[in-house]
N, C-alpha and C. Protein backbone atom coordinates (compact mmCIF):
# COMPACT_ATOMS: atom_id res chain seq x y z
N UNK A 1 120.31 185.14 115.07
CA UNK A 1 120.99 184.09 114.35
C UNK A 1 120.51 182.71 114.71
N UNK A 2 120.30 182.53 115.92
CA UNK A 2 119.76 181.23 116.43
C UNK A 2 118.39 180.97 115.95
N UNK A 3 117.52 182.00 115.92
CA UNK A 3 116.16 181.79 115.40
C UNK A 3 116.19 181.52 113.91
N UNK A 4 116.97 182.09 113.14
CA UNK A 4 117.04 181.91 111.70
C UNK A 4 117.54 180.45 111.43
N UNK A 5 118.54 179.97 112.23
CA UNK A 5 118.99 178.59 112.13
C UNK A 5 117.91 177.62 112.46
N UNK A 6 117.09 177.94 113.40
CA UNK A 6 115.93 177.00 113.75
C UNK A 6 114.97 176.92 112.65
N UNK A 7 114.57 178.05 112.06
CA UNK A 7 113.70 178.11 110.99
C UNK A 7 114.23 177.35 109.83
N UNK A 8 115.49 177.47 109.53
CA UNK A 8 116.15 176.73 108.33
C UNK A 8 116.08 175.22 108.61
N UNK A 9 116.27 174.78 109.86
CA UNK A 9 116.26 173.43 110.25
C UNK A 9 114.73 172.85 110.04
N UNK A 10 113.82 173.69 110.48
CA UNK A 10 112.41 173.28 110.30
C UNK A 10 112.00 173.13 108.93
N UNK A 11 112.35 174.16 108.05
CA UNK A 11 112.04 174.09 106.66
C UNK A 11 112.75 172.87 105.98
N UNK A 12 113.99 172.68 106.30
CA UNK A 12 114.67 171.58 105.65
C UNK A 12 114.04 170.17 106.12
N UNK A 13 113.67 170.05 107.47
CA UNK A 13 113.10 168.81 107.81
C UNK A 13 111.74 168.68 107.31
N UNK A 14 110.92 169.68 107.06
CA UNK A 14 109.62 169.62 106.43
C UNK A 14 109.80 169.25 104.97
N UNK A 15 110.82 169.81 104.28
CA UNK A 15 111.03 169.44 102.87
C UNK A 15 111.40 168.00 102.74
N UNK A 16 112.24 167.58 103.65
CA UNK A 16 112.68 166.11 103.64
C UNK A 16 111.42 165.26 103.82
N UNK A 17 110.56 165.51 104.74
CA UNK A 17 109.44 164.79 104.99
C UNK A 17 108.40 164.81 103.93
N UNK A 18 108.07 166.03 103.45
CA UNK A 18 107.04 166.23 102.42
C UNK A 18 107.48 165.80 101.03
N UNK A 19 108.76 165.87 100.70
CA UNK A 19 109.20 165.35 99.36
C UNK A 19 109.81 164.01 99.46
N UNK A 20 110.59 163.79 100.46
CA UNK A 20 111.30 162.48 100.60
C UNK A 20 110.38 161.37 100.96
N UNK A 21 109.38 161.55 101.78
CA UNK A 21 108.42 160.49 102.24
C UNK A 21 107.66 159.90 100.92
N UNK A 22 106.96 160.66 100.19
CA UNK A 22 106.33 160.13 99.06
C UNK A 22 107.32 159.45 98.01
N UNK A 23 108.50 160.08 97.82
CA UNK A 23 109.48 159.48 96.95
C UNK A 23 109.96 158.12 97.47
N UNK A 24 110.13 157.96 98.74
CA UNK A 24 110.42 156.70 99.33
C UNK A 24 109.35 155.73 99.18
N UNK A 25 108.12 156.09 99.52
CA UNK A 25 107.08 155.11 99.30
C UNK A 25 106.96 154.69 97.80
N UNK A 26 107.08 155.68 96.89
CA UNK A 26 107.10 155.40 95.46
C UNK A 26 108.11 154.38 95.06
N UNK A 27 109.34 154.49 95.61
CA UNK A 27 110.40 153.67 95.23
C UNK A 27 110.25 152.31 95.79
N UNK A 28 109.51 152.06 96.96
CA UNK A 28 109.44 150.67 97.48
C UNK A 28 108.09 149.99 97.04
N UNK A 29 107.18 150.76 96.43
CA UNK A 29 105.97 150.21 95.95
C UNK A 29 106.17 149.32 94.77
N UNK A 30 105.67 148.09 94.83
CA UNK A 30 105.88 147.23 93.56
C UNK A 30 104.96 147.62 92.40
N UNK A 31 105.54 147.46 91.16
CA UNK A 31 104.63 147.74 90.03
C UNK A 31 103.64 146.61 89.76
N UNK A 32 102.68 146.96 88.87
CA UNK A 32 101.64 145.94 88.60
C UNK A 32 102.35 144.67 88.04
N UNK A 33 103.27 144.75 87.23
CA UNK A 33 104.02 143.67 86.58
C UNK A 33 104.62 142.82 87.72
N UNK A 34 105.28 143.43 88.66
CA UNK A 34 105.94 142.73 89.78
C UNK A 34 104.96 142.02 90.58
N UNK A 35 103.74 142.57 90.87
CA UNK A 35 102.68 141.92 91.57
C UNK A 35 102.17 140.77 90.87
N UNK A 36 101.90 140.92 89.49
CA UNK A 36 101.46 139.85 88.62
C UNK A 36 102.44 138.72 88.63
N UNK A 37 103.70 138.93 88.66
CA UNK A 37 104.72 137.78 88.65
C UNK A 37 104.72 137.08 89.99
N UNK A 38 104.22 137.70 91.06
CA UNK A 38 104.13 136.96 92.35
C UNK A 38 102.93 136.12 92.50
N UNK A 39 101.87 136.34 91.59
CA UNK A 39 100.77 135.43 91.60
C UNK A 39 101.16 133.95 91.39
N UNK A 40 100.44 133.10 91.91
CA UNK A 40 100.64 131.69 91.49
C UNK A 40 100.13 131.48 90.03
N UNK A 41 100.53 130.42 89.34
CA UNK A 41 100.24 130.30 87.95
C UNK A 41 98.69 130.28 87.74
N UNK A 42 97.92 129.65 88.58
CA UNK A 42 96.47 129.55 88.32
C UNK A 42 95.85 130.95 88.41
N UNK A 43 96.30 131.80 89.41
CA UNK A 43 95.75 133.14 89.38
C UNK A 43 96.15 133.93 88.23
N UNK A 44 97.38 133.73 87.73
CA UNK A 44 97.86 134.36 86.48
C UNK A 44 96.99 134.10 85.34
N UNK A 45 96.70 132.83 85.19
CA UNK A 45 95.90 132.37 84.09
C UNK A 45 94.44 132.95 84.13
N UNK A 46 93.84 132.88 85.34
CA UNK A 46 92.50 133.43 85.51
C UNK A 46 92.47 134.94 85.23
N UNK A 47 93.55 135.58 85.67
CA UNK A 47 93.63 137.07 85.46
C UNK A 47 93.70 137.38 83.97
N UNK A 48 94.51 136.62 83.25
CA UNK A 48 94.71 136.88 81.89
C UNK A 48 93.39 136.57 81.15
N UNK A 49 92.66 135.54 81.59
CA UNK A 49 91.39 135.16 80.92
C UNK A 49 90.32 136.28 81.11
N UNK A 50 90.29 136.84 82.35
CA UNK A 50 89.31 137.82 82.64
C UNK A 50 89.67 139.22 82.39
N UNK A 51 90.90 139.47 81.90
CA UNK A 51 91.36 140.87 81.69
C UNK A 51 90.49 141.57 80.65
N UNK A 52 90.26 140.98 79.59
CA UNK A 52 89.46 141.61 78.46
C UNK A 52 88.05 141.96 78.92
N UNK A 53 87.36 141.03 79.61
CA UNK A 53 86.05 141.35 80.12
C UNK A 53 86.05 142.48 81.15
N UNK A 54 87.08 142.47 82.10
CA UNK A 54 87.14 143.55 83.00
C UNK A 54 87.42 144.84 82.31
N UNK A 55 88.21 144.92 81.31
CA UNK A 55 88.51 146.10 80.61
C UNK A 55 87.25 146.63 79.83
N UNK A 56 86.50 145.72 79.30
CA UNK A 56 85.19 146.02 78.60
C UNK A 56 84.27 146.59 79.64
N UNK A 57 84.11 145.97 80.75
CA UNK A 57 83.18 146.50 81.76
C UNK A 57 83.60 147.86 82.26
N UNK A 58 84.89 148.06 82.41
CA UNK A 58 85.37 149.46 82.80
C UNK A 58 85.05 150.45 81.82
N UNK A 59 85.27 150.14 80.57
CA UNK A 59 84.92 150.99 79.49
C UNK A 59 83.48 151.32 79.30
N UNK A 60 82.64 150.33 79.62
CA UNK A 60 81.20 150.57 79.64
C UNK A 60 80.82 151.52 80.76
N UNK A 61 81.43 151.27 81.94
CA UNK A 61 81.21 152.03 83.15
C UNK A 61 81.56 153.51 82.83
N UNK A 62 82.66 153.77 82.27
CA UNK A 62 83.20 155.15 82.01
C UNK A 62 82.23 155.77 81.00
N UNK A 63 81.79 155.07 79.99
CA UNK A 63 80.90 155.58 79.01
C UNK A 63 79.54 156.03 79.73
N UNK A 64 79.00 155.14 80.65
CA UNK A 64 77.86 155.53 81.36
C UNK A 64 78.04 156.75 82.24
N UNK A 65 79.12 156.88 82.90
CA UNK A 65 79.46 158.02 83.68
C UNK A 65 79.45 159.24 82.84
N UNK A 66 80.04 159.19 81.61
CA UNK A 66 79.98 160.33 80.74
C UNK A 66 78.62 160.74 80.29
N UNK A 67 77.78 159.77 80.06
CA UNK A 67 76.37 160.00 79.72
C UNK A 67 75.63 160.61 80.93
N UNK A 68 75.86 160.11 82.05
CA UNK A 68 75.24 160.57 83.29
C UNK A 68 75.62 162.05 83.55
N UNK A 69 76.92 162.34 83.31
CA UNK A 69 77.42 163.71 83.63
C UNK A 69 76.79 164.74 82.68
N UNK A 70 76.32 164.27 81.51
CA UNK A 70 75.75 165.34 80.58
C UNK A 70 74.26 165.64 80.92
N UNK A 71 73.63 164.80 81.76
CA UNK A 71 72.29 165.13 82.09
C UNK A 71 72.26 166.20 83.19
N UNK A 72 71.02 166.77 83.35
CA UNK A 72 70.94 167.83 84.39
C UNK A 72 70.86 167.32 85.82
N UNK A 73 70.68 166.03 85.96
CA UNK A 73 70.62 165.40 87.27
C UNK A 73 72.10 165.21 87.76
N UNK A 74 72.25 165.02 89.05
CA UNK A 74 73.52 164.58 89.54
C UNK A 74 73.92 163.16 89.06
N UNK A 75 75.23 162.87 89.00
CA UNK A 75 75.62 161.60 88.61
C UNK A 75 75.04 160.47 89.65
N UNK A 76 74.99 160.79 90.78
CA UNK A 76 74.49 159.75 91.76
C UNK A 76 73.05 159.39 91.51
N UNK A 77 72.23 160.43 91.21
CA UNK A 77 70.80 160.16 90.93
C UNK A 77 70.68 159.37 89.65
N UNK A 78 71.37 159.78 88.62
CA UNK A 78 71.30 159.14 87.37
C UNK A 78 71.79 157.62 87.55
N UNK A 79 72.83 157.39 88.30
CA UNK A 79 73.32 156.02 88.47
C UNK A 79 72.20 155.25 89.33
N UNK A 80 71.61 155.80 90.26
CA UNK A 80 70.65 155.17 90.99
C UNK A 80 69.40 154.73 90.11
N UNK A 81 68.94 155.62 89.24
CA UNK A 81 67.85 155.37 88.35
C UNK A 81 68.25 154.28 87.34
N UNK A 82 69.51 154.31 86.97
CA UNK A 82 69.96 153.28 85.95
C UNK A 82 69.90 151.83 86.77
N UNK A 83 70.40 151.84 87.91
CA UNK A 83 70.32 150.59 88.76
C UNK A 83 69.00 150.06 89.00
N UNK A 84 68.04 150.98 89.25
CA UNK A 84 66.65 150.65 89.45
C UNK A 84 66.03 150.09 88.20
N UNK A 85 66.41 150.71 87.11
CA UNK A 85 65.89 150.24 85.67
C UNK A 85 66.47 148.79 85.48
N UNK A 86 67.80 148.66 85.74
CA UNK A 86 68.26 147.26 85.56
C UNK A 86 67.75 146.25 86.38
N UNK A 87 67.41 146.66 87.67
CA UNK A 87 66.78 145.70 88.61
C UNK A 87 65.40 145.32 88.11
N UNK A 88 64.67 146.36 87.64
CA UNK A 88 63.35 146.04 87.22
C UNK A 88 63.26 145.15 85.90
N UNK A 89 64.31 145.35 85.02
CA UNK A 89 64.51 144.58 83.85
C UNK A 89 64.78 143.19 84.35
N UNK A 90 65.72 143.02 85.22
CA UNK A 90 66.12 141.62 85.70
C UNK A 90 64.85 140.91 86.41
N UNK A 91 64.00 141.70 87.08
CA UNK A 91 62.92 141.04 87.63
C UNK A 91 61.90 140.60 86.63
N UNK A 92 61.71 141.47 85.54
CA UNK A 92 60.76 141.23 84.51
C UNK A 92 61.22 140.13 83.52
N UNK A 93 62.49 139.84 83.44
CA UNK A 93 63.02 138.96 82.55
C UNK A 93 62.53 137.48 82.80
N UNK A 94 62.60 136.99 84.00
CA UNK A 94 62.08 135.64 84.22
C UNK A 94 60.59 135.45 83.83
N UNK A 95 59.82 136.59 84.18
CA UNK A 95 58.42 136.52 83.88
C UNK A 95 58.21 136.47 82.30
N UNK A 96 59.01 137.16 81.49
CA UNK A 96 58.93 137.08 80.06
C UNK A 96 59.37 135.76 79.60
N UNK A 97 60.40 135.18 80.22
CA UNK A 97 60.86 133.82 79.77
C UNK A 97 59.74 132.85 80.05
N UNK A 98 59.14 132.97 81.17
CA UNK A 98 58.00 132.10 81.58
C UNK A 98 56.90 132.16 80.56
N UNK A 99 56.54 133.31 80.14
CA UNK A 99 55.47 133.61 79.12
C UNK A 99 55.89 132.99 77.84
N UNK A 100 57.10 133.18 77.40
CA UNK A 100 57.58 132.64 76.22
C UNK A 100 57.52 131.06 76.20
N UNK A 101 57.95 130.48 77.38
CA UNK A 101 57.84 129.07 77.45
C UNK A 101 56.43 128.55 77.39
N UNK A 102 55.56 129.24 78.07
CA UNK A 102 54.07 128.83 77.91
C UNK A 102 53.58 128.95 76.56
N UNK A 103 54.01 129.96 75.80
CA UNK A 103 53.51 130.12 74.47
C UNK A 103 54.12 128.94 73.58
N UNK A 104 55.30 128.60 73.84
CA UNK A 104 55.96 127.53 73.01
C UNK A 104 55.28 126.20 73.31
N UNK A 105 54.89 125.97 74.58
CA UNK A 105 54.21 124.75 74.98
C UNK A 105 52.86 124.74 74.33
N UNK A 106 52.15 125.81 74.36
CA UNK A 106 50.77 125.90 73.71
C UNK A 106 50.83 125.64 72.21
N UNK A 107 51.91 126.24 71.60
CA UNK A 107 52.07 126.04 70.15
C UNK A 107 52.40 124.53 69.82
N UNK A 108 53.19 123.89 70.66
CA UNK A 108 53.47 122.49 70.44
C UNK A 108 52.25 121.66 70.64
N UNK A 109 51.42 122.00 71.57
CA UNK A 109 50.16 121.25 71.79
C UNK A 109 49.27 121.44 70.59
N UNK A 110 49.13 122.70 70.03
CA UNK A 110 48.37 122.82 68.90
C UNK A 110 48.88 122.03 67.68
N UNK A 111 50.12 121.96 67.53
CA UNK A 111 50.74 121.27 66.45
C UNK A 111 50.50 119.74 66.61
N UNK A 112 50.50 119.26 67.95
CA UNK A 112 50.28 117.86 68.06
C UNK A 112 48.82 117.52 67.90
N UNK A 113 47.90 118.41 68.21
CA UNK A 113 46.49 118.26 67.95
C UNK A 113 46.19 118.30 66.49
N UNK A 114 46.83 119.15 65.77
CA UNK A 114 46.61 119.27 64.27
C UNK A 114 47.17 118.02 63.60
N UNK A 115 48.15 117.45 64.11
CA UNK A 115 48.83 116.25 63.56
C UNK A 115 47.94 114.95 63.73
N UNK A 116 47.04 114.97 64.73
CA UNK A 116 46.22 113.80 64.99
C UNK A 116 45.14 113.66 64.03
């Protein structure tokens, strides 16, 4: 009888901890709206201004993840290749802009020489 009572106490204490603990944490955790109301007005304004951009970036990221998951490679390798590709494009962009600027200057020089 004593042993059964001990087991019942253990099971009930375990249930209280395993079920009651997360329920307690969930009940005291503030919602997103409550956190937003605690921001100072400047942060609220910035958050509202950037919300649409952040949502769009998140949607793009999820879309990329879906594309990467369809490939035969792992998502991590596909993401790494994508980042390397973006970095290479970013490095090449100033060079292209410099070339375009030189071409515009050359064209302006030609126009000036033709006008003389």
